[in-house]
Amino acid sequence: MKKVSWGVLSTAKIGREKVIPALQQSEFCSVDAIASRDLSNAQSVATSLGIGKAYGSYEALLEDPGIEAIYNPLPNDLHVPLTLAAARAGKHVLCEKPFAMNANEAAALREVAGQVHIMEAFMVRFHPQWLKAREMVRNGSLGELRTVQAFFSYFNVQQDNIRNRVETGGGALYDIGCYPIVAGRFMFEAEPVRVMALVDRDPTFQTDRTVSAVLDFGNGRRLDFTVSTQSTPYQRLHLVGTRQRLEIEVPFNAPANGSTRLFTDDGALPAGCNAVIHTLAPCDQYTLQGDAFAQVIRGELPLPYGLDDAIQNMHVIDALIRSERSGQWEVPGQA
């Protein structure tokens, strides 16, 4: 299969340190251009990462006829505008999460639906540990899946950090709360019927620094999670069924060069002493994501997660934001 030629919008840290190196290791991807509003910055990053072309504006990159796909890791408030511009230019787009500032903004991309492929960059959905966990749900190993529980946190009080700016989509729910939401939707293979959130905001930044939420998937199924931008770094994902529980040790930031582990436990002994360890070989989830999207572009695979999926995730986030204000259950998709 001919490699897909990629261009990257911005020199964002996640691109420099995670996604670009992963795409460069891909069998099906070639990172050929990068753009920044500062040409010298683009040139510096291009040199350091071995990228052939550097542009001093996003528009110049989008006009490059040789670029087939765009990776968009811009601040959250620029996800939809630049993804729309890229799609209008005939480029396929892998856009970082969260997809938009709200579902209505994301829906603007329906204009280009069917013209190009657009996918939200939840790399976790391509990691073998998530796929194995879901397969165990599907084949009944856990019994009936009743509860998904997640915790995800880091500590960041830097005043100039983009994650601490309300106006550009900072805060815990947008930045990392979107992952547990995807986990619940992925493992239950269903959508929540109602949601509720409890939010603590930073008195200076006004961002949501800690969010706890409950998502009701109906029929006794629930997702509950806590995410925080001002807590000790930690992450874990639990799936609790009627027969067994399953724990993913590092569910979101799985190491590219290290193995990952799942634990299953039937509860026969206290303190998890009866747990079975499932060790998976090292892999880079960003590479797997790039491989899959490139094969979609070449027509080798169907698009696994498209625009409707991204908009639905935003509907859930919107409902949680409304719940903070109302103090009540809210229904995704109902303003």
C-alpha atoms as a PDB file:
ATOM      1  CA  MET A   1       0.000   0.000   0.000  1.00  0.00           C
ATOM      2  CA  LYS A   2       1.321   3.430  -0.922  1.00  0.00           C
ATOM      3  CA  LYS A   3       2.045   5.509   2.155  1.00  0.00           C
ATOM      4  CA  VAL A   4      -0.325   8.376   2.969  1.00  0.00           C
ATOM      5  CA  SER A   5       1.344  11.794   2.987  1.00  0.00           C
ATOM      6  CA  TRP A   6       0.624  13.686   6.222  1.00  0.00           C
ATOM      7  CA  GLY A   7       0.854  17.337   7.207  1.00  0.00           C
ATOM      8  CA  VAL A   8       0.715  18.516  10.824  1.00  0.00           C
ATOM      9  CA  LEU A   9      -0.993  21.706  11.956  1.00  0.00           C
ATOM     10  CA  SER A  10       1.074  23.321  14.727  1.00  0.00           C
ATOM     11  CA  THR A  11       4.107  22.259  16.710  1.00  0.00           C
ATOM     12  CA  ALA A  12       2.070  21.171  19.743  1.00  0.00           C
ATOM     13  CA  LYS A  13       3.819  19.008  22.317  1.00  0.00           C
ATOM     14  CA  ILE A  14       1.615  15.960  21.749  1.00  0.00           C
ATOM     15  CA  GLY A  15       2.500  16.084  18.070  1.00  0.00           C
ATOM     16  CA  ARG A  16       6.231  16.548  18.614  1.00  0.00           C
ATOM     17  CA  GLU A  17       6.616  13.944  21.334  1.00  0.00           C
ATOM     18  CA  LYS A  18       3.909  11.369  20.636  1.00  0.00           C
ATOM     19  CA  VAL A  19       2.053  11.411  17.348  1.00  0.00           C
ATOM     20  CA  ILE A  20       4.667  12.487  14.793  1.00  0.00           C
ATOM     21  CA  PRO A  21       7.322   9.976  15.951  1.00  0.00           C
ATOM     22  CA  ALA A  22       4.620   7.282  15.986  1.00  0.00           C
ATOM     23  CA  LEU A  23       3.480   8.106  12.455  1.00  0.00           C
ATOM     24  CA  GLN A  24       7.095   8.044  11.314  1.00  0.00           C
ATOM     25  CA  GLN A  25       7.275   4.448  12.552  1.00  0.00           C
ATOM     26  CA  SER A  26       4.120   3.537  10.659  1.00  0.00           C
ATOM     27  CA  GLU A  27       4.059   1.162   7.731  1.00  0.00           C
ATOM     28  CA  PHE A  28       1.441   3.260   5.964  1.00  0.00           C
ATOM     29  CA  CYS A  29       2.217   6.892   6.901  1.00  0.00           C
ATOM     30  CA  SER A  30       4.748   9.518   5.874  1.00  0.00           C
ATOM     31  CA  VAL A  31       4.948  12.850   7.727  1.00  0.00           C
ATOM     32  CA  ASP A  32       6.019  15.264   5.021  1.00  0.00           C
ATOM     33  CA  ALA A  33       5.081  18.764   6.265  1.00  0.00           C
ATOM     34  CA  ILE A  34       4.452  20.775   9.412  1.00  0.00           C
ATOM     35  CA  ALA A  35       3.026  24.267   9.858  1.00  0.00           C
ATOM     36  CA  SER A  36       3.186  26.927  12.540  1.00  0.00           C
ATOM     37  CA  ARG A  37       2.190  30.581  12.687  1.00  0.00           C
ATOM     38  CA  ASP A  38       5.907  31.143  13.295  1.00  0.00           C
ATOM     39  CA  LEU A  39       7.925  29.905  10.305  1.00  0.00           C
ATOM     40  CA  SER A  40      11.161  29.666  12.278  1.00  0.00           C
ATOM     41  CA  ASN A  41       9.416  27.471  14.832  1.00  0.00           C
ATOM     42  CA  ALA A  42       8.052  25.204  12.109  1.00  0.00           C
ATOM     43  CA  GLN A  43      11.501  24.972  10.524  1.00  0.00           C
ATOM     44  CA  SER A  44      13.146  24.134  13.841  1.00  0.00           C
ATOM     45  CA  VAL A  45      10.712  21.317  14.612  1.00  0.00           C
ATOM     46  CA  ALA A  46      10.875  20.040  11.034  1.00  0.00           C
ATOM     47  CA  THR A  47      14.657  19.829  11.267  1.00  0.00           C
ATOM     48  CA  SER A  48      14.621  18.099  14.638  1.00  0.00           C
ATOM     49  CA  LEU A  49      12.084  15.492  13.497  1.00  0.00           C
ATOM     50  CA  GLY A  50      13.318  15.008   9.942  1.00  0.00           C
ATOM     51  CA  ILE A  51      10.217  16.482   8.270  1.00  0.00           C
ATOM     52  CA  GLY A  52      10.830  17.683   4.720  1.00  0.00           C
ATOM     53  CA  LYS A  53       8.658  20.816   4.506  1.00  0.00           C
ATOM     54  CA  ALA A  54       7.877  23.625   6.954  1.00  0.00           C
ATOM     55  CA  TYR A  55       5.213  26.293   6.493  1.00  0.00           C
ATOM     56  CA  GLY A  56       4.703  29.621   8.263  1.00  0.00           C
ATOM     57  CA  SER A  57       0.910  29.421   8.140  1.00  0.00           C
ATOM     58  CA  TYR A  58      -1.726  26.740   8.381  1.00  0.00           C
ATOM     59  CA  GLU A  59      -3.269  27.934   5.131  1.00  0.00           C
ATOM     60  CA  ALA A  60      -0.027  27.358   3.225  1.00  0.00           C
ATOM     61  CA  LEU A  61       0.093  23.759   4.404  1.00  0.00           C
ATOM     62  CA  LEU A  62      -3.525  23.156   3.407  1.00  0.00           C
ATOM     63  CA  GLU A  63      -2.728  24.437  -0.088  1.00  0.00           C
ATOM     64  CA  ASP A  64       0.027  21.849  -0.573  1.00  0.00           C
ATOM     65  CA  PRO A  65      -1.359  19.468  -3.220  1.00  0.00           C
ATOM     66  CA  GLY A  66       0.909  16.630  -2.127  1.00  0.00           C
ATOM     67  CA  ILE A  67      -0.514  16.408   1.387  1.00  0.00           C
ATOM     68  CA  GLU A  68      -3.368  13.911   1.698  1.00  0.00           C
ATOM     69  CA  ALA A  69      -4.089  13.850   5.430  1.00  0.00           C
ATOM     70  CA  ILE A  70      -3.902  16.408   8.206  1.00  0.00           C
ATOM     71  CA  TYR A  71      -3.233  15.827  11.886  1.00  0.00           C
ATOM     72  CA  ASN A  72      -4.823  18.626  13.925  1.00  0.00           C
ATOM     73  CA  PRO A  73      -3.460  18.980  17.494  1.00  0.00           C
ATOM     74  CA  LEU A  74      -4.344  22.683  17.821  1.00  0.00           C
ATOM     75  CA  PRO A  75      -6.037  24.124  20.949  1.00  0.00           C
ATOM     76  CA  ASN A  76      -9.574  22.870  21.431  1.00  0.00           C
ATOM     77  CA  ASP A  77     -11.256  26.033  20.166  1.00  0.00           C
ATOM     78  CA  LEU A  78      -9.428  25.646  16.825  1.00  0.00           C
ATOM     79  CA  HIS A  79     -10.270  21.991  16.226  1.00  0.00           C
ATOM     80  CA  VAL A  80     -13.433  22.583  14.196  1.00  0.00           C
ATOM     81  CA  PRO A  81     -12.357  25.710  12.251  1.00  0.00           C
ATOM     82  CA  LEU A  82      -9.100  24.174  11.020  1.00  0.00           C
ATOM     83  CA  THR A  83     -10.573  20.718  10.484  1.00  0.00           C
ATOM     84  CA  LEU A  84     -13.287  22.324   8.359  1.00  0.00           C
ATOM     85  CA  ALA A  85     -10.684  24.324   6.403  1.00  0.00           C
ATOM     86  CA  ALA A  86      -8.629  21.171   5.828  1.00  0.00           C
ATOM     87  CA  ALA A  87     -11.659  19.206   4.670  1.00  0.00           C
ATOM     88  CA  ARG A  88     -12.690  21.984   2.292  1.00  0.00           C
ATOM     89  CA  ALA A  89      -9.177  21.740   0.867  1.00  0.00           C
ATOM     90  CA  GLY A  90      -9.765  18.045   0.207  1.00  0.00           C
ATOM     91  CA  LYS A  91      -7.646  16.726   3.071  1.00  0.00           C
ATOM     92  CA  HIS A  92      -8.626  13.872   5.353  1.00  0.00           C
ATOM     93  CA  VAL A  93      -8.345  14.864   9.026  1.00  0.00           C
ATOM     94  CA  LEU A  94      -7.342  13.141  12.236  1.00  0.00           C
ATOM     95  CA  CYS A  95      -8.375  15.694  14.873  1.00  0.00           C
ATOM     96  CA  GLU A  96      -7.300  15.644  18.490  1.00  0.00           C
ATOM     97  CA  LYS A  97      -9.820  15.305  21.273  1.00  0.00           C
ATOM     98  CA  PRO A  98     -12.048  16.857  22.415  1.00  0.00           C
ATOM     99  CA  PHE A  99     -13.425  17.244  18.922  1.00  0.00           C
ATOM    100  CA  ALA A 100     -15.025  20.643  19.536  1.00  0.00           C
ATOM    101  CA  MET A 101     -16.144  23.113  22.169  1.00  0.00           C
ATOM    102  CA  ASN A 102     -19.675  21.713  21.955  1.00  0.00           C
ATOM    103  CA  ALA A 103     -21.799  19.419  19.812  1.00  0.00           C
ATOM    104  CA  ASN A 104     -23.373  22.224  17.796  1.00  0.00           C
ATOM    105  CA  GLU A 105     -19.932  23.436  16.741  1.00  0.00           C
ATOM    106  CA  ALA A 106     -18.917  19.896  15.810  1.00  0.00           C
ATOM    107  CA  ALA A 107     -22.065  19.520  13.709  1.00  0.00           C
ATOM    108  CA  ALA A 108     -20.772  22.260  11.391  1.00  0.00           C
ATOM    109  CA  LEU A 109     -18.528  19.573   9.910  1.00  0.00           C
ATOM    110  CA  ARG A 110     -21.554  17.844   8.430  1.00  0.00           C
ATOM    111  CA  GLU A 111     -21.007  20.241   5.543  1.00  0.00           C
ATOM    112  CA  VAL A 112     -18.063  18.123   4.393  1.00  0.00           C
ATOM    113  CA  ALA A 113     -19.411  14.735   5.456  1.00  0.00           C
ATOM    114  CA  GLY A 114     -18.840  12.211   2.708  1.00  0.00           C
ATOM    115  CA  GLN A 115     -16.205  14.315   0.945  1.00  0.00           C
ATOM    116  CA  VAL A 116     -13.259  13.291   3.142  1.00  0.00           C
ATOM    117  CA  HIS A 117     -12.652  11.059   6.151  1.00  0.00           C
ATOM    118  CA  ILE A 118     -12.637  12.776   9.559  1.00  0.00           C
ATOM    119  CA  MET A 119     -11.862  10.949  12.801  1.00  0.00           C
ATOM    120  CA  GLU A 120     -11.411  12.031  16.414  1.00  0.00           C
ATOM    121  CA  ALA A 121      -8.006  10.947  17.715  1.00  0.00           C
ATOM    122  CA  PHE A 122      -8.864   8.604  20.579  1.00  0.00           C
ATOM    123  CA  MET A 123      -5.812   6.408  20.152  1.00  0.00           C
ATOM    124  CA  VAL A 124      -6.858   4.232  23.101  1.00  0.00           C
ATOM    125  CA  ARG A 125      -9.511   2.555  20.943  1.00  0.00           C
ATOM    126  CA  PHE A 126      -6.750   0.997  18.830  1.00  0.00           C
ATOM    127  CA  HIS A 127      -4.622  -0.368  21.674  1.00  0.00           C
ATOM    128  CA  PRO A 128      -4.785  -4.175  22.061  1.00  0.00           C
ATOM    129  CA  GLN A 129      -5.531  -3.839  25.781  1.00  0.00           C
ATOM    130  CA  TRP A 130      -8.804  -2.030  25.054  1.00  0.00           C
ATOM    131  CA  LEU A 131      -9.666  -4.457  22.283  1.00  0.00           C
ATOM    132  CA  LYS A 132      -8.956  -7.458  24.522  1.00  0.00           C
ATOM    133  CA  ALA A 133     -11.027  -5.980  27.336  1.00  0.00           C
ATOM    134  CA  ARG A 134     -13.979  -5.407  25.051  1.00  0.00           C
ATOM    135  CA  GLU A 135     -13.674  -8.900  23.615  1.00  0.00           C
ATOM    136  CA  MET A 136     -13.857 -10.299  27.143  1.00  0.00           C
ATOM    137  CA  VAL A 137     -17.029  -8.284  27.676  1.00  0.00           C
ATOM    138  CA  ARG A 138     -18.468  -9.558  24.403  1.00  0.00           C
ATOM    139  CA  ASN A 139     -17.687 -13.237  25.019  1.00  0.00           C
ATOM    140  CA  GLY A 140     -19.163 -13.194  28.507  1.00  0.00           C
ATOM    141  CA  SER A 141     -15.942 -13.732  30.450  1.00  0.00           C
ATOM    142  CA  LEU A 142     -16.997 -11.031  32.907  1.00  0.00           C
ATOM    143  CA  GLY A 143     -20.630 -12.122  32.980  1.00  0.00           C
ATOM    144  CA  GLU A 144     -22.930  -9.145  32.467  1.00  0.00           C
ATOM    145  CA  LEU A 145     -20.978  -5.879  32.507  1.00  0.00           C
ATOM    146  CA  ARG A 146     -22.620  -3.695  35.140  1.00  0.00           C
ATOM    147  CA  THR A 147     -20.141  -0.955  35.989  1.00  0.00           C
ATOM    148  CA  VAL A 148     -17.236   0.854  34.364  1.00  0.00           C
ATOM    149  CA  GLN A 149     -15.141   2.949  36.753  1.00  0.00           C
ATOM    150  CA  ALA A 150     -12.309   5.278  35.787  1.00  0.00           C
ATOM    151  CA  PHE A 151      -9.890   7.681  37.448  1.00  0.00           C
ATOM    152  CA  PHE A 152      -7.515   9.918  35.509  1.00  0.00           C
ATOM    153  CA  SER A 153      -5.492  12.803  36.924  1.00  0.00           C
ATOM    154  CA  TYR A 154      -2.388  14.948  36.710  1.00  0.00           C
ATOM    155  CA  PHE A 155      -1.169  18.084  38.509  1.00  0.00           C
ATOM    156  CA  ASN A 156      -0.844  21.339  36.562  1.00  0.00           C
ATOM    157  CA  VAL A 157      -1.165  24.849  38.000  1.00  0.00           C
ATOM    158  CA  GLN A 158       0.921  26.659  35.386  1.00  0.00           C
ATOM    159  CA  GLN A 159      -0.730  29.998  34.629  1.00  0.00           C
ATOM    160  CA  ASP A 160       0.327  30.072  30.977  1.00  0.00           C
ATOM    161  CA  ASN A 161      -0.660  26.461  30.218  1.00  0.00           C
ATOM    162  CA  ILE A 162      -3.385  26.007  27.601  1.00  0.00           C
ATOM    163  CA  ARG A 163      -5.121  23.453  29.843  1.00  0.00           C
ATOM    164  CA  ASN A 164      -5.773  26.197  32.395  1.00  0.00           C
ATOM    165  CA  ARG A 165      -7.526  28.581  29.987  1.00  0.00           C
ATOM    166  CA  VAL A 166     -11.314  28.455  29.928  1.00  0.00           C
ATOM    167  CA  GLU A 167     -11.619  30.371  26.661  1.00  0.00           C
ATOM    168  CA  THR A 168      -9.686  27.762  24.668  1.00  0.00           C
ATOM    169  CA  GLY A 169     -11.369  24.725  26.185  1.00  0.00           C
ATOM    170  CA  GLY A 170      -9.164  24.010  29.170  1.00  0.00           C
ATOM    171  CA  GLY A 171     -10.139  22.048  32.250  1.00  0.00           C
ATOM    172  CA  ALA A 172     -10.431  18.448  33.337  1.00  0.00           C
ATOM    173  CA  LEU A 173     -13.625  17.435  31.519  1.00  0.00           C
ATOM    174  CA  TYR A 174     -12.475  18.528  28.073  1.00  0.00           C
ATOM    175  CA  ASP A 175      -8.875  17.453  28.441  1.00  0.00           C
ATOM    176  CA  ILE A 176      -9.145  14.055  30.131  1.00  0.00           C
ATOM    177  CA  GLY A 177     -12.794  13.488  31.058  1.00  0.00           C
ATOM    178  CA  CYS A 178     -13.467  12.677  27.433  1.00  0.00           C
ATOM    179  CA  TYR A 179     -11.445   9.453  27.866  1.00  0.00           C
ATOM    180  CA  PRO A 180     -13.641   7.793  30.509  1.00  0.00           C
ATOM    181  CA  ILE A 181     -16.694   8.823  28.477  1.00  0.00           C
ATOM    182  CA  VAL A 182     -15.256   7.023  25.474  1.00  0.00           C
ATOM    183  CA  ALA A 183     -14.366   4.065  27.702  1.00  0.00           C
ATOM    184  CA  GLY A 184     -17.967   3.671  28.807  1.00  0.00           C
ATOM    185  CA  ARG A 185     -19.331   3.979  25.282  1.00  0.00           C
ATOM    186  CA  PHE A 186     -16.665   1.586  23.975  1.00  0.00           C
ATOM    187  CA  MET A 187     -17.104  -1.143  26.575  1.00  0.00           C
ATOM    188  CA  PHE A 188     -20.902  -1.020  26.825  1.00  0.00           C
ATOM    189  CA  GLU A 189     -21.241  -0.442  23.070  1.00  0.00           C
ATOM    190  CA  ALA A 190     -24.136   1.832  23.926  1.00  0.00           C
ATOM    191  CA  GLU A 191     -24.911   5.483  24.626  1.00  0.00           C
ATOM    192  CA  PRO A 192     -25.770   6.994  28.036  1.00  0.00           C
ATOM    193  CA  VAL A 193     -29.423   7.898  28.522  1.00  0.00           C
ATOM    194  CA  ARG A 194     -28.768  10.460  31.280  1.00  0.00           C
ATOM    195  CA  VAL A 195     -25.749  11.938  33.073  1.00  0.00           C
ATOM    196  CA  MET A 196     -24.908  13.919  36.189  1.00  0.00           C
ATOM    197  CA  ALA A 197     -21.738  15.791  37.217  1.00  0.00           C
ATOM    198  CA  LEU A 198     -20.177  17.297  40.336  1.00  0.00           C
ATOM    199  CA  VAL A 199     -17.592  19.950  39.510  1.00  0.00           C
ATOM    200  CA  ASP A 200     -14.952  21.841  41.485  1.00  0.00           C
ATOM    201  CA  ARG A 201     -13.489  24.898  39.745  1.00  0.00           C
ATOM    202  CA  ASP A 202     -10.146  26.594  40.279  1.00  0.00           C
ATOM    203  CA  PRO A 203     -10.801  30.009  41.852  1.00  0.00           C
ATOM    204  CA  THR A 204      -8.170  31.681  39.676  1.00  0.00           C
ATOM    205  CA  PHE A 205      -8.396  29.911  36.327  1.00  0.00           C
ATOM    206  CA  GLN A 206     -12.144  29.152  36.576  1.00  0.00           C
ATOM    207  CA  THR A 207     -11.416  25.838  34.879  1.00  0.00           C
ATOM    208  CA  ASP A 208     -12.975  22.630  36.178  1.00  0.00           C
ATOM    209  CA  ARG A 209     -10.085  21.170  38.125  1.00  0.00           C
ATOM    210  CA  THR A 210     -11.970  18.119  39.426  1.00  0.00           C
ATOM    211  CA  VAL A 211     -15.019  16.482  37.870  1.00  0.00           C
ATOM    212  CA  SER A 212     -16.878  13.435  39.126  1.00  0.00           C
ATOM    213  CA  ALA A 213     -19.664  12.048  36.972  1.00  0.00           C
ATOM    214  CA  VAL A 214     -22.202   9.269  36.697  1.00  0.00           C
ATOM    215  CA  LEU A 215     -23.456   8.133  33.302  1.00  0.00           C
ATOM    216  CA  ASP A 216     -26.529   5.904  33.191  1.00  0.00           C
ATOM    217  CA  PHE A 217     -26.466   3.506  30.234  1.00  0.00           C
ATOM    218  CA  GLY A 218     -29.804   1.937  31.140  1.00  0.00           C
ATOM    219  CA  ASN A 219     -30.614  -1.607  32.239  1.00  0.00           C
ATOM    220  CA  GLY A 220     -28.569  -1.234  35.410  1.00  0.00           C
ATOM    221  CA  ARG A 221     -25.383  -0.258  33.576  1.00  0.00           C
ATOM    222  CA  ARG A 222     -23.360   2.730  34.712  1.00  0.00           C
ATOM    223  CA  LEU A 223     -20.086   4.536  34.203  1.00  0.00           C
ATOM    224  CA  ASP A 224     -18.699   6.588  37.053  1.00  0.00           C
ATOM    225  CA  PHE A 225     -15.460   8.509  36.859  1.00  0.00           C
ATOM    226  CA  THR A 226     -13.356  11.224  38.421  1.00  0.00           C
ATOM    227  CA  VAL A 227     -10.843  13.317  36.518  1.00  0.00           C
ATOM    228  CA  SER A 228      -8.623  16.059  37.894  1.00  0.00           C
ATOM    229  CA  THR A 229      -5.992  18.506  36.687  1.00  0.00           C
ATOM    230  CA  GLN A 230      -4.820  19.202  40.239  1.00  0.00           C
ATOM    231  CA  SER A 231      -4.327  15.793  41.822  1.00  0.00           C
ATOM    232  CA  THR A 232      -1.442  13.367  42.004  1.00  0.00           C
ATOM    233  CA  PRO A 233      -0.937  11.685  38.611  1.00  0.00           C
ATOM    234  CA  TYR A 234      -2.886   8.447  38.449  1.00  0.00           C
ATOM    235  CA  GLN A 235      -5.027   6.452  36.057  1.00  0.00           C
ATOM    236  CA  ARG A 236      -6.984   3.237  36.161  1.00  0.00           C
ATOM    237  CA  LEU A 237      -9.968   1.641  34.434  1.00  0.00           C
ATOM    238  CA  HIS A 238     -12.159  -1.048  36.015  1.00  0.00           C
ATOM    239  CA  LEU A 239     -14.857  -3.143  34.368  1.00  0.00           C
ATOM    240  CA  VAL A 240     -17.044  -4.945  36.892  1.00  0.00           C
ATOM    241  CA  GLY A 241     -19.315  -7.741  35.739  1.00  0.00           C
ATOM    242  CA  THR A 242     -21.508 -10.322  37.418  1.00  0.00           C
ATOM    243  CA  ARG A 243     -18.822 -12.999  37.123  1.00  0.00           C
ATOM    244  CA  GLN A 244     -15.473 -11.208  37.139  1.00  0.00           C
ATOM    245  CA  ARG A 245     -13.884  -7.788  37.256  1.00  0.00           C
ATOM    246  CA  LEU A 246     -11.233  -6.560  34.821  1.00  0.00           C
ATOM    247  CA  GLU A 247      -8.656  -3.870  35.561  1.00  0.00           C
ATOM    248  CA  ILE A 248      -6.537  -2.043  32.988  1.00  0.00           C
ATOM    249  CA  GLU A 249      -3.372  -0.895  34.716  1.00  0.00           C
ATOM    250  CA  VAL A 250      -2.435   2.018  32.430  1.00  0.00           C
ATOM    251  CA  PRO A 251      -5.531   2.581  30.298  1.00  0.00           C
ATOM    252  CA  PHE A 252      -4.909   5.976  28.738  1.00  0.00           C
ATOM    253  CA  ASN A 253      -1.166   6.718  28.519  1.00  0.00           C
ATOM    254  CA  ALA A 254      -0.009   3.198  27.741  1.00  0.00           C
ATOM    255  CA  PRO A 255       3.789   3.154  27.266  1.00  0.00           C
ATOM    256  CA  ALA A 256       4.918   2.769  23.679  1.00  0.00           C
ATOM    257  CA  ASN A 257       8.007   0.761  24.614  1.00  0.00           C
ATOM    258  CA  GLY A 258       6.675  -1.312  27.470  1.00  0.00           C
ATOM    259  CA  SER A 259       4.215  -4.123  27.965  1.00  0.00           C
ATOM    260  CA  THR A 260       0.760  -3.501  29.370  1.00  0.00           C
ATOM    261  CA  ARG A 261      -1.210  -5.563  31.851  1.00  0.00           C
ATOM    262  CA  LEU A 262      -4.819  -6.470  32.457  1.00  0.00           C
ATOM    263  CA  PHE A 263      -6.009  -8.137  35.659  1.00  0.00           C
ATOM    264  CA  THR A 264      -9.080 -10.334  35.940  1.00  0.00           C
ATOM    265  CA  ASP A 265     -10.400 -11.479  39.290  1.00  0.00           C
ATOM    266  CA  ASP A 266     -13.436 -13.526  40.293  1.00  0.00           C
ATOM    267  CA  GLY A 267     -13.328 -12.267  43.881  1.00  0.00           C
ATOM    268  CA  ALA A 268     -12.860 -15.729  45.381  1.00  0.00           C
ATOM    269  CA  LEU A 269     -10.012 -14.446  47.562  1.00  0.00           C
ATOM    270  CA  PRO A 270      -9.740 -11.048  49.286  1.00  0.00           C
ATOM    271  CA  ALA A 271      -7.454  -8.225  48.125  1.00  0.00           C
ATOM    272  CA  GLY A 272      -7.290  -9.534  44.570  1.00  0.00           C
ATOM    273  CA  CYS A 273      -5.156 -12.506  45.542  1.00  0.00           C
ATOM    274  CA  ASN A 274      -6.909 -14.625  42.946  1.00  0.00           C
ATOM    275  CA  ALA A 275      -6.225 -12.188  40.103  1.00  0.00           C
ATOM    276  CA  VAL A 276      -4.967 -13.468  36.754  1.00  0.00           C
ATOM    277  CA  ILE A 277      -2.462 -11.232  34.974  1.00  0.00           C
ATOM    278  CA  HIS A 278      -2.741 -10.810  31.194  1.00  0.00           C
ATOM    279  CA  THR A 279       0.440  -9.268  29.743  1.00  0.00           C
ATOM    280  CA  LEU A 280       0.353  -7.712  26.291  1.00  0.00           C
ATOM    281  CA  ALA A 281       3.390  -7.047  24.115  1.00  0.00           C
ATOM    282  CA  PRO A 282       4.666  -3.476  23.680  1.00  0.00           C
ATOM    283  CA  CYS A 283       3.057  -1.392  20.952  1.00  0.00           C
ATOM    284  CA  ASP A 284       2.516   2.277  20.135  1.00  0.00           C
ATOM    285  CA  GLN A 285      -1.176   3.111  20.137  1.00  0.00           C
ATOM    286  CA  TYR A 286      -0.523   6.255  18.103  1.00  0.00           C
ATOM    287  CA  THR A 287       1.112   4.184  15.373  1.00  0.00           C
ATOM    288  CA  LEU A 288      -1.817   1.774  15.354  1.00  0.00           C
ATOM    289  CA  GLN A 289      -4.212   4.689  15.077  1.00  0.00           C
ATOM    290  CA  GLY A 290      -2.254   6.172  12.159  1.00  0.00           C
ATOM    291  CA  ASP A 291      -2.061   2.810  10.416  1.00  0.00           C
ATOM    292  CA  ALA A 292      -5.813   2.338  10.694  1.00  0.00           C
ATOM    293  CA  PHE A 293      -6.653   5.825   9.420  1.00  0.00           C
ATOM    294  CA  ALA A 294      -4.219   5.501   6.506  1.00  0.00           C
ATOM    295  CA  GLN A 295      -5.851   2.219   5.484  1.00  0.00           C
ATOM    296  CA  VAL A 296      -9.243   3.931   5.631  1.00  0.00           C
ATOM    297  CA  ILE A 297      -7.945   6.626   3.291  1.00  0.00           C
ATOM    298  CA  ARG A 298      -6.664   3.964   0.873  1.00  0.00           C
ATOM    299  CA  GLY A 299      -9.993   2.147   0.974  1.00  0.00           C
ATOM    300  CA  GLU A 300      -8.567  -0.903   2.719  1.00  0.00           C
ATOM    301  CA  LEU A 301     -10.701  -0.494   5.858  1.00  0.00           C
ATOM    302  CA  PRO A 302     -14.022   1.149   6.715  1.00  0.00           C
ATOM    303  CA  LEU A 303     -13.896   4.252   8.908  1.00  0.00           C
ATOM    304  CA  PRO A 304     -14.368   2.877  12.447  1.00  0.00           C
ATOM    305  CA  TYR A 305     -15.238   6.166  14.183  1.00  0.00           C
ATOM    306  CA  GLY A 306     -16.586   9.012  12.114  1.00  0.00           C
ATOM    307  CA  LEU A 307     -18.264  12.361  12.541  1.00  0.00           C
ATOM    308  CA  ASP A 308     -21.415  11.023  14.197  1.00  0.00           C
ATOM    309  CA  ASP A 309     -19.338   9.301  16.878  1.00  0.00           C
ATOM    310  CA  ALA A 310     -17.406  12.505  17.630  1.00  0.00           C
ATOM    311  CA  ILE A 311     -20.591  14.574  17.815  1.00  0.00           C
ATOM    312  CA  GLN A 312     -22.166  12.040  20.178  1.00  0.00           C
ATOM    313  CA  ASN A 313     -19.192  12.276  22.532  1.00  0.00           C
ATOM    314  CA  MET A 314     -19.618  16.053  22.541  1.00  0.00           C
ATOM    315  CA  HIS A 315     -23.326  15.653  23.352  1.00  0.00           C
ATOM    316  CA  VAL A 316     -22.318  13.761  26.497  1.00  0.00           C
ATOM    317  CA  ILE A 317     -19.791  16.439  27.492  1.00  0.00           C
ATOM    318  CA  ASP A 318     -22.388  19.158  26.864  1.00  0.00           C
ATOM    319  CA  ALA A 319     -24.882  17.341  29.091  1.00  0.00           C
ATOM    320  CA  LEU A 320     -22.335  17.068  31.916  1.00  0.00           C
ATOM    321  CA  ILE A 321     -21.659  20.801  31.661  1.00  0.00           C
ATOM    322  CA  ARG A 322     -25.405  21.463  31.876  1.00  0.00           C
ATOM    323  CA  SER A 323     -25.616  19.159  34.892  1.00  0.00           C
ATOM    324  CA  GLU A 324     -23.040  21.244  36.738  1.00  0.00           C
ATOM    325  CA  ARG A 325     -25.309  24.263  36.287  1.00  0.00           C
ATOM    326  CA  SER A 326     -28.627  22.561  36.965  1.00  0.00           C
ATOM    327  CA  GLY A 327     -27.537  20.142  39.686  1.00  0.00           C
ATOM    328  CA  GLN A 328     -29.735  17.537  38.030  1.00  0.00           C
ATOM    329  CA  TRP A 329     -29.630  14.636  35.605  1.00  0.00           C
ATOM    330  CA  GLU A 330     -29.298  15.793  31.997  1.00  0.00           C
ATOM    331  CA  VAL A 331     -29.988  13.935  28.768  1.00  0.00           C
ATOM    332  CA  PRO A 332     -27.276  14.021  26.049  1.00  0.00           C
ATOM    333  CA  GLY A 333     -28.565  15.671  22.905  1.00  0.00           C
ATOM    334  CA  GLN A 334     -31.294  17.635  24.682  1.00  0.00           C
ATOM    335  CA  ALA A 335     -30.351  21.253  25.230  1.00  0.00           C
END
